[in-house]
Protein backbone atom coordinates (compact mmCIF):
# COMPACT_ATOMS: atom_id res chain seq x y z
CA MET A 1 144.86 12.61 -100.59
CA SER A 2 143.07 12.89 -97.29
CA THR A 3 143.69 10.14 -94.76
CA THR A 4 140.15 10.53 -93.42
CA ILE A 5 137.69 8.66 -95.56
CA ASN A 6 133.93 9.09 -95.51
CA TYR A 7 133.04 5.48 -96.18
CA GLN A 8 129.34 6.18 -96.55
CA ASP A 9 130.06 8.69 -99.29
CA LEU A 10 132.59 6.33 -100.86
CA SER A 11 130.10 3.43 -100.93
CA GLU A 12 127.59 5.59 -102.79
CA LYS A 13 130.26 6.54 -105.30
CA ILE A 14 131.26 2.90 -105.71
CA LYS A 15 127.69 2.00 -106.66
CA GLN A 16 127.56 4.84 -109.15
CA TRP A 17 130.91 3.84 -110.69
CA GLY A 18 129.69 0.25 -110.88
CA LYS A 19 126.59 1.31 -112.81
CA GLU A 20 128.76 3.36 -115.18
CA LEU A 21 130.85 0.25 -115.81
CA GLY A 22 127.76 -1.70 -116.85
CA PHE A 23 126.81 -3.50 -113.65
CA ALA A 24 123.05 -3.61 -113.13
CA GLU A 25 123.35 -4.13 -109.38
CA VAL A 26 126.07 -3.27 -106.87
CA GLY A 27 125.85 -4.23 -103.20
CA ILE A 28 128.22 -4.42 -100.23
CA THR A 29 128.36 -7.06 -97.51
CA ASP A 30 130.57 -8.21 -94.67
CA ILE A 31 132.34 -11.56 -94.93
CA ASP A 32 130.50 -13.51 -92.22
CA LEU A 33 129.19 -16.71 -93.82
CA LYS A 34 129.33 -18.93 -90.74
CA THR A 35 125.65 -19.86 -91.07
CA HIS A 36 126.41 -21.38 -94.48
CA GLU A 37 129.30 -23.59 -93.41
CA ALA A 38 127.14 -26.42 -92.06
CA TYR A 39 125.01 -26.43 -95.24
CA LEU A 40 128.13 -26.50 -97.41
CA GLN A 41 129.65 -29.36 -95.45
CA LYS A 42 126.43 -31.39 -95.61
CA TRP A 43 126.21 -30.80 -99.37
CA LEU A 44 129.76 -32.06 -99.77
CA ASP A 45 129.18 -35.02 -97.44
CA ASN A 46 126.22 -36.06 -99.61
CA GLN A 47 128.54 -36.08 -102.63
CA TYR A 48 126.27 -33.62 -104.42
CA HIS A 49 129.33 -32.02 -106.01
CA GLY A 50 129.86 -35.08 -108.20
CA SER A 51 133.25 -35.12 -109.92
CA MET A 52 133.95 -31.47 -109.10
CA ASP A 53 136.77 -32.40 -106.72
CA TYR A 54 137.82 -28.76 -106.30
CA MET A 55 134.60 -28.14 -104.37
CA ALA A 56 135.75 -30.46 -101.58
CA ARG A 57 139.43 -29.60 -101.95
CA HIS A 58 138.95 -26.01 -100.87
CA GLY A 59 136.60 -26.98 -98.04
CA MET A 60 135.38 -24.17 -95.82
CA MET A 61 137.54 -21.57 -97.55
CA ARG A 62 134.48 -20.95 -99.71
CA ALA A 63 132.72 -19.52 -96.69
CA ARG A 64 135.75 -17.55 -95.47
CA PRO A 65 136.75 -14.83 -97.96
CA ASP A 66 139.50 -13.56 -95.64
CA GLU A 67 141.28 -16.92 -95.97
CA LEU A 68 141.09 -16.61 -99.73
CA GLU A 69 142.41 -13.05 -99.65
CA PRO A 70 143.93 -12.07 -96.26
CA GLY A 71 142.85 -8.66 -95.05
CA THR A 72 139.42 -8.81 -96.67
CA VAL A 73 136.68 -7.24 -94.54
CA ARG A 74 134.03 -6.46 -97.19
CA VAL A 75 132.82 -7.87 -100.47
CA ILE A 76 131.43 -5.68 -103.24
CA SER A 77 128.99 -7.92 -105.11
CA VAL A 78 127.88 -7.04 -108.63
CA ALA A 79 125.41 -8.36 -111.19
CA MET A 80 125.33 -7.99 -114.97
CA HIS A 81 122.33 -8.89 -117.17
CA TYR A 82 122.80 -11.35 -120.03
CA LEU A 83 119.26 -11.90 -121.35
CA ILE A 84 119.13 -11.21 -125.07
CA PRO A 85 116.19 -9.80 -127.06
CA ASP A 86 114.10 -12.25 -129.10
CA ALA A 87 115.52 -15.22 -127.20
CA LYS A 88 114.31 -18.45 -128.86
CA PHE A 89 113.84 -20.39 -125.62
CA ALA A 90 110.76 -22.55 -126.12
CA LYS A 91 111.09 -22.61 -129.91
CA THR A 92 114.55 -24.19 -129.79
CA LEU A 93 113.68 -26.65 -127.04
CA LYS A 94 110.55 -27.72 -128.91
CA ASN A 95 112.39 -28.38 -132.16
CA LYS A 96 114.27 -31.58 -131.31
CA LYS A 97 116.49 -31.26 -134.39
CA LYS A 98 117.90 -27.99 -133.03
CA ALA A 99 120.70 -27.72 -130.47
CA TYR A 100 119.83 -25.96 -127.24
CA VAL A 101 122.69 -23.95 -125.72
CA SER A 102 122.17 -22.27 -122.35
CA ARG A 103 121.43 -18.58 -122.82
CA TYR A 104 124.48 -17.44 -120.87
CA ALA A 105 126.86 -19.20 -123.28
CA LEU A 106 125.58 -17.91 -126.61
CA GLY A 107 127.94 -14.95 -126.74
CA ARG A 108 131.42 -14.08 -125.58
CA ASP A 109 132.73 -15.52 -122.31
CA TYR A 110 131.54 -13.27 -119.49
CA HIS A 111 134.41 -14.08 -117.11
CA LYS A 112 137.03 -11.87 -118.73
CA LEU A 113 134.60 -9.03 -119.47
CA MET A 114 133.31 -8.80 -115.89
CA ARG A 115 136.73 -9.33 -114.34
CA LYS A 116 138.10 -6.44 -116.38
CA ARG A 117 135.24 -4.19 -115.26
CA LEU A 118 135.78 -5.20 -111.63
CA GLN A 119 139.48 -4.45 -112.01
CA GLN A 120 138.56 -1.00 -113.31
CA LEU A 121 136.22 -0.49 -110.36
CA GLY A 122 139.00 -1.44 -107.95
CA GLN A 123 141.40 0.97 -109.61
CA LYS A 124 138.80 3.73 -109.36
CA ILE A 125 138.42 3.11 -105.63
CA SER A 126 142.22 3.13 -105.26
CA GLN A 127 142.25 6.78 -106.27
CA HIS A 128 140.31 7.59 -103.12
CA CYS A 129 142.08 5.34 -100.60
CA GLU A 130 145.76 5.34 -99.62
CA THR A 131 146.05 1.77 -98.36
CA PHE A 132 143.42 0.10 -100.48
CA LYS A 133 143.80 -3.52 -101.57
CA PHE A 134 141.36 -5.43 -103.73
CA ARG A 135 140.98 -8.66 -105.67
CA PRO A 136 138.31 -9.36 -108.31
CA PHE A 137 136.62 -12.71 -108.85
CA VAL A 138 134.15 -13.92 -111.46
CA ASP A 139 133.35 -17.56 -110.86
CA SER A 140 137.09 -18.08 -110.60
CA ALA A 141 137.76 -18.78 -106.92
CA PRO A 142 136.44 -20.91 -104.05
CA ILE A 143 133.87 -18.42 -102.81
CA LEU A 144 130.13 -18.64 -102.05
CA GLU A 145 129.09 -15.93 -104.47
CA ARG A 146 125.32 -16.38 -104.19
CA PRO A 147 125.13 -16.16 -100.38
CA LEU A 148 127.40 -13.11 -100.55
CA ALA A 149 125.20 -11.52 -103.23
CA GLU A 150 122.15 -12.32 -101.12
CA LYS A 151 123.71 -10.65 -98.06
CA ALA A 152 124.66 -7.67 -100.24
CA GLY A 153 121.01 -7.14 -101.14
CA LEU A 154 121.17 -8.18 -104.80
CA GLY A 155 118.31 -10.64 -104.39
CA TRP A 156 117.48 -13.90 -102.67
CA VAL A 157 118.56 -17.47 -103.34
CA GLY A 158 115.67 -19.37 -104.92
CA LYS A 159 114.75 -23.01 -104.52
CA HIS A 160 116.81 -23.81 -107.64
CA SER A 161 119.83 -22.34 -105.75
CA LEU A 162 120.17 -19.39 -108.18
CA LEU A 163 119.87 -15.76 -107.15
CA ILE A 164 116.57 -14.03 -107.97
CA ASN A 165 116.01 -10.30 -108.11
CA LYS A 166 112.47 -8.97 -107.74
CA GLN A 167 112.95 -6.45 -110.55
CA ALA A 168 115.13 -8.54 -112.87
CA GLY A 169 114.52 -12.27 -112.36
CA SER A 170 117.65 -14.41 -112.52
CA TRP A 171 119.17 -13.81 -115.96
CA PHE A 172 122.38 -12.20 -114.70
CA PHE A 173 126.01 -13.01 -113.92
CA LEU A 174 127.62 -12.40 -110.54
CA GLY A 175 131.06 -11.10 -109.66
CA GLU A 176 132.89 -10.02 -106.51
CA LEU A 177 135.50 -7.51 -105.47
CA LEU A 178 137.16 -8.44 -102.18
CA VAL A 179 138.33 -5.28 -100.39
CA ASN A 180 140.13 -4.35 -97.16
CA ILE A 181 138.13 -1.24 -96.23
CA PRO A 182 135.17 -1.16 -93.78
CA LEU A 183 132.47 0.09 -96.12
CA PRO A 184 128.91 0.28 -94.77
CA THR A 185 126.94 -2.85 -95.69
CA ASP A 186 123.60 -3.20 -97.46
CA ALA A 187 120.57 -4.97 -96.05
CA PRO A 188 119.52 -8.33 -97.52
CA LYS A 189 116.26 -8.54 -99.50
CA SER A 190 113.35 -10.67 -98.32
CA GLU A 191 112.63 -14.03 -99.94
CA HIS A 192 109.72 -14.21 -102.41
CA CYS A 193 109.51 -17.81 -103.60
CA GLY A 194 106.66 -18.60 -101.22
CA ASN A 195 105.04 -21.97 -101.92
CA CYS A 196 106.14 -22.05 -105.55
CA VAL A 197 107.99 -25.23 -106.56
CA ALA A 198 107.84 -24.77 -110.34
CA CYS A 199 111.62 -25.05 -110.72
CA MET A 200 111.69 -28.30 -108.78
CA THR A 201 108.81 -29.77 -110.76
CA ILE A 202 110.10 -28.93 -114.23
CA CYS A 203 113.70 -30.13 -113.74
CA PRO A 204 114.11 -32.89 -116.38
CA THR A 205 116.34 -35.03 -114.15
CA ASN A 206 114.91 -34.14 -110.71
CA ALA A 207 118.23 -32.59 -109.75
CA ILE A 208 116.65 -30.21 -107.21
CA VAL A 209 116.34 -32.86 -104.52
CA ALA A 210 114.92 -30.44 -101.92
CA PRO A 211 114.26 -26.70 -101.81
CA TYR A 212 117.59 -24.87 -102.25
CA ILE A 213 119.53 -28.14 -102.69
CA VAL A 214 120.81 -29.31 -106.09
CA ASP A 215 122.43 -32.68 -106.63
CA ALA A 216 124.94 -31.71 -109.32
CA LYS A 217 125.32 -35.32 -110.43
CA ARG A 218 121.80 -35.18 -111.85
CA CYS A 219 121.93 -31.63 -113.21
CA ILE A 220 122.07 -31.31 -117.00
CA SER A 221 124.26 -28.22 -116.71
CA TYR A 222 126.77 -30.23 -114.68
CA LEU A 223 126.52 -33.27 -116.95
CA THR A 224 127.09 -31.32 -120.17
CA ILE A 225 129.67 -28.84 -118.88
CA GLU A 226 131.51 -29.95 -115.74
CA HIS A 227 131.37 -33.73 -116.03
CA GLN A 228 134.06 -35.39 -118.09
CA GLY A 229 133.73 -38.83 -119.61
CA VAL A 230 130.64 -41.01 -119.86
CA ILE A 231 127.24 -39.55 -119.00
CA PRO A 232 125.10 -42.11 -117.12
CA GLU A 233 122.54 -43.63 -119.46
CA VAL A 234 119.71 -42.96 -117.02
CA TYR A 235 119.95 -39.21 -117.75
CA ARG A 236 120.50 -39.25 -121.51
CA SER A 237 116.89 -39.30 -122.70
CA ALA A 238 115.96 -36.54 -120.24
CA MET A 239 118.68 -34.33 -121.69
CA GLY A 240 116.70 -34.01 -124.92
CA ASN A 241 118.42 -31.53 -127.25
CA ARG A 242 120.23 -29.65 -124.45
CA ILE A 243 123.87 -29.85 -125.53
CA TYR A 244 125.39 -27.20 -123.27
CA GLY A 245 123.70 -26.34 -120.00
CA CYS A 246 120.01 -26.20 -119.14
CA ASP A 247 117.73 -23.24 -118.42
CA ASP A 248 114.51 -25.03 -117.52
CA CYS A 249 114.44 -23.95 -113.88
CA GLN A 250 114.88 -20.32 -114.95
CA LEU A 251 112.46 -20.52 -117.87
CA ILE A 252 109.63 -21.61 -115.56
CA CYS A 253 110.38 -19.13 -112.76
CA PRO A 254 107.55 -16.55 -112.51
CA TRP A 255 110.02 -13.82 -111.55
CA ASN A 256 111.75 -14.05 -114.90
CA LYS A 257 108.89 -12.23 -116.57
CA PHE A 258 110.79 -9.21 -115.20
CA GLY A 259 114.06 -10.26 -116.86
CA GLN A 260 116.09 -7.30 -118.10
CA ILE A 261 117.60 -7.21 -121.60
CA THR A 262 121.39 -6.90 -121.60
CA GLU A 263 123.11 -3.83 -123.00
CA GLU A 264 126.30 -5.82 -123.62
CA GLN A 265 126.71 -6.68 -127.30
CA ASP A 266 129.29 -9.31 -126.33
CA PHE A 267 126.52 -11.41 -124.79
CA HIS A 268 124.52 -11.57 -128.03
CA PRO A 269 124.60 -14.88 -129.96
CA ARG A 270 127.63 -15.71 -132.08
CA ASN A 271 127.86 -18.21 -134.95
CA SER A 272 124.07 -18.73 -134.87
CA LEU A 273 124.35 -20.88 -131.74
CA ASP A 274 120.80 -19.90 -130.79
CA ASP A 275 119.42 -21.48 -133.97
CA SER A 276 121.69 -24.32 -135.12
CA ASP A 277 120.82 -27.86 -136.14
CA LEU A 278 122.33 -30.69 -134.13
CA LEU A 279 123.69 -32.28 -137.31
CA SER A 280 125.46 -29.12 -138.47
CA LEU A 281 127.24 -28.73 -135.12
CA PHE A 282 128.07 -32.43 -134.98
CA ALA A 283 129.78 -32.09 -138.37
CA TRP A 284 132.34 -29.62 -136.96
CA THR A 285 135.91 -30.90 -136.95
CA GLU A 286 138.00 -30.26 -133.87
CA THR A 287 139.74 -27.43 -135.73
CA GLU A 288 136.39 -25.84 -136.51
CA PHE A 289 135.25 -26.29 -132.93
CA LEU A 290 138.30 -24.50 -131.56
CA ALA A 291 138.00 -21.70 -134.10
CA LEU A 292 134.25 -21.15 -133.82
CA THR A 293 134.18 -21.27 -130.00
CA GLN A 294 137.16 -18.97 -129.50
CA GLY A 295 136.23 -16.45 -126.81
CA SER A 296 133.19 -18.54 -125.85
CA PRO A 297 132.64 -20.35 -122.53
CA ILE A 298 131.79 -23.44 -124.58
CA ARG A 299 135.40 -23.92 -125.61
CA ARG A 300 136.55 -25.05 -122.19
CA ILE A 301 134.54 -28.30 -122.25
CA GLY A 302 136.68 -29.52 -125.15
CA TYR A 303 135.84 -31.27 -128.39
CA GLN A 304 135.26 -34.66 -126.79
CA SER A 305 132.46 -33.43 -124.50
CA TRP A 306 131.04 -31.35 -127.36
CA GLN A 307 130.75 -34.45 -129.56
CA ARG A 308 129.45 -36.53 -126.66
CA ASN A 309 126.68 -34.04 -125.87
CA LEU A 310 125.68 -33.68 -129.50
CA ALA A 311 125.55 -37.46 -129.94
CA ILE A 312 123.03 -37.65 -127.10
CA GLY A 313 121.00 -34.86 -128.67
CA LEU A 314 120.97 -36.71 -131.99
CA GLY A 315 119.88 -39.89 -130.28
CA ASN A 316 116.95 -37.99 -128.78
CA ALA A 317 116.01 -36.33 -132.10
CA PRO A 318 113.18 -37.67 -134.30
CA TYR A 319 114.18 -40.53 -136.58
CA ASP A 320 116.22 -39.40 -139.56
CA GLU A 321 118.33 -41.61 -141.80
CA ASP A 322 120.84 -38.77 -142.19
CA ILE A 323 121.39 -38.83 -138.42
CA ILE A 324 122.26 -42.52 -138.46
CA ASP A 325 124.57 -41.98 -141.44
CA GLN A 326 126.48 -39.12 -139.79
CA LEU A 327 126.69 -40.88 -136.45
CA SER A 328 128.03 -44.01 -138.14
CA ALA A 329 130.58 -42.00 -140.11
CA LYS A 330 131.91 -40.30 -136.96
CA LEU A 331 132.03 -43.58 -135.06
CA LEU A 332 135.15 -44.75 -136.88
CA GLU A 333 137.18 -41.68 -135.87
CA SER A 334 135.86 -41.25 -132.31
CA ASP A 335 137.53 -42.15 -129.05
CA GLU A 336 136.05 -44.64 -126.60
CA VAL A 337 133.97 -42.08 -124.67
CA VAL A 338 132.36 -40.46 -127.70
CA ALA A 339 131.89 -43.85 -129.38
CA GLU A 340 129.82 -45.11 -126.45
CA HIS A 341 127.40 -42.20 -126.82
CA ILE A 342 127.29 -42.53 -130.60
CA ASN A 343 126.41 -46.22 -130.31
CA TRP A 344 123.67 -45.32 -127.84
CA ALA A 345 122.36 -42.65 -130.21
CA ILE A 346 122.34 -45.03 -133.19
CA ALA A 347 120.40 -47.57 -131.13
CA GLN A 348 117.87 -44.88 -130.17
CA GLN A 349 117.43 -43.84 -133.80
CA LYS A 350 116.98 -47.44 -134.98
CA GLU A 351 114.42 -48.04 -132.24
CA LYS A 352 112.47 -45.01 -133.45
CA ALA A 353 112.70 -46.27 -137.02
CA LEU A 354 111.27 -49.61 -135.93
CA ASP A 355 108.49 -47.89 -133.98
CA ALA A 356 107.70 -45.76 -137.01
CA GLU A 357 107.62 -48.85 -139.23
CA ASN A 358 105.34 -50.71 -136.82
CA THR A 359 103.06 -47.69 -136.59
CA SER A 360 102.97 -47.47 -140.37
CA HIS A 361 102.03 -51.15 -140.65
CA ALA A 362 99.34 -50.71 -138.03
CA VAL A 363 97.89 -47.69 -139.82
CA LYS A 364 97.92 -49.46 -143.18
CA SER A 365 96.26 -52.52 -141.64
CA ALA A 366 93.56 -50.36 -140.08
CA LEU A 367 92.94 -48.60 -143.38
CA ARG A 368 92.63 -51.93 -145.22
CA GLN A 369 90.22 -53.17 -142.58
CA ASN A 370 88.13 -50.01 -142.95
CA GLU A 371 88.10 -50.40 -146.72
CA ARG A 372 86.86 -54.01 -146.40
CA LEU A 373 84.19 -52.89 -143.94
CA ILE A 374 83.02 -50.12 -146.27
CA ARG A 375 82.86 -52.54 -149.23
CA SER A 376 80.87 -55.07 -147.22
CA ILE A 377 78.43 -52.37 -146.14
CA GLU A 378 78.10 -51.09 -149.69
CA LYS A 379 77.34 -54.60 -150.97
CA GLY A 380 74.46 -54.92 -148.53
CA LEU A 381 72.87 -51.58 -149.45
CA PRO A 382 69.86 -51.35 -151.87
CA ARG A 383 70.80 -50.11 -155.35
CA ASP A 384 68.91 -46.84 -154.90
CA ALA A 385 70.45 -46.08 -151.49
């Protein structure tokens, strides 16, 4: 093996190998994220990370990849599409008896798949470098992956804080390979959000508190996935039927009309999670939950959060006596956290039942009044009218 390496040639090969491994985008950047440190610290100071203590625990290491992996001088950033064909976005959200699961979580967990591909990419590079060291990450380390991907030319960070690609929207996963070789870097792409604030406007809980700033404590994705325990009542109605994550800010983004369909079969829906009723999922036992979510990112939230989220969805569903019956049946076997959300859901359902009853009485009263009016008019008409 030659000790002289043509890094320009190697970088081009790396991008080609990445594409062969299934990555839609491959870019290279240096590790200088100093301009992001002040923003990160302010975000933490504002407590926007909520109960994600690990965000504060690792501090500025997130902006310093060489502290995470000593010797790192470059980051190879990759993207992989996960948008599925015939995605039932609006249809599922509109049907309040259905459970809405974020599109990224419908199939197999992407972490292991992408990490394995990155490991293979690193091994491929090793065949061309004598002293090459690498470390792959897929949402598994304290690292600012979106700013790195932005610097690597994979897209720009939108006002919802997600990465957007001009040719592919934002329906893709990100991963990184930290390396110790001075590869030539790619140029960042320009920003194309302009004056658009659609993502900020549509957010059900107003979690995007300013352009590019998300208060995780309000975010439905955080509340249903990262947050453990009781979900504040103020956000429950806004959650609707979203039981795992939320895609609203991506669904409204104009750039997602260019979303690319994934070629990975592992990302296609499993166990009909793209078209399941809230009640059918709520009926799962813990054993069924563990079995049916094996290999899925959903499994890591645990059965308690799964039941909690579904209880909120059922509370937000249209009135149905079966919902009250199933909620009441589960109440006896639920822990304190789940029970609180079940009680809230039962109260919501009973309130809707009362509203429906009052509406029915009002309609019947109006009909009777109309009938009396018609009869009185008919009595006053001539017999030949």
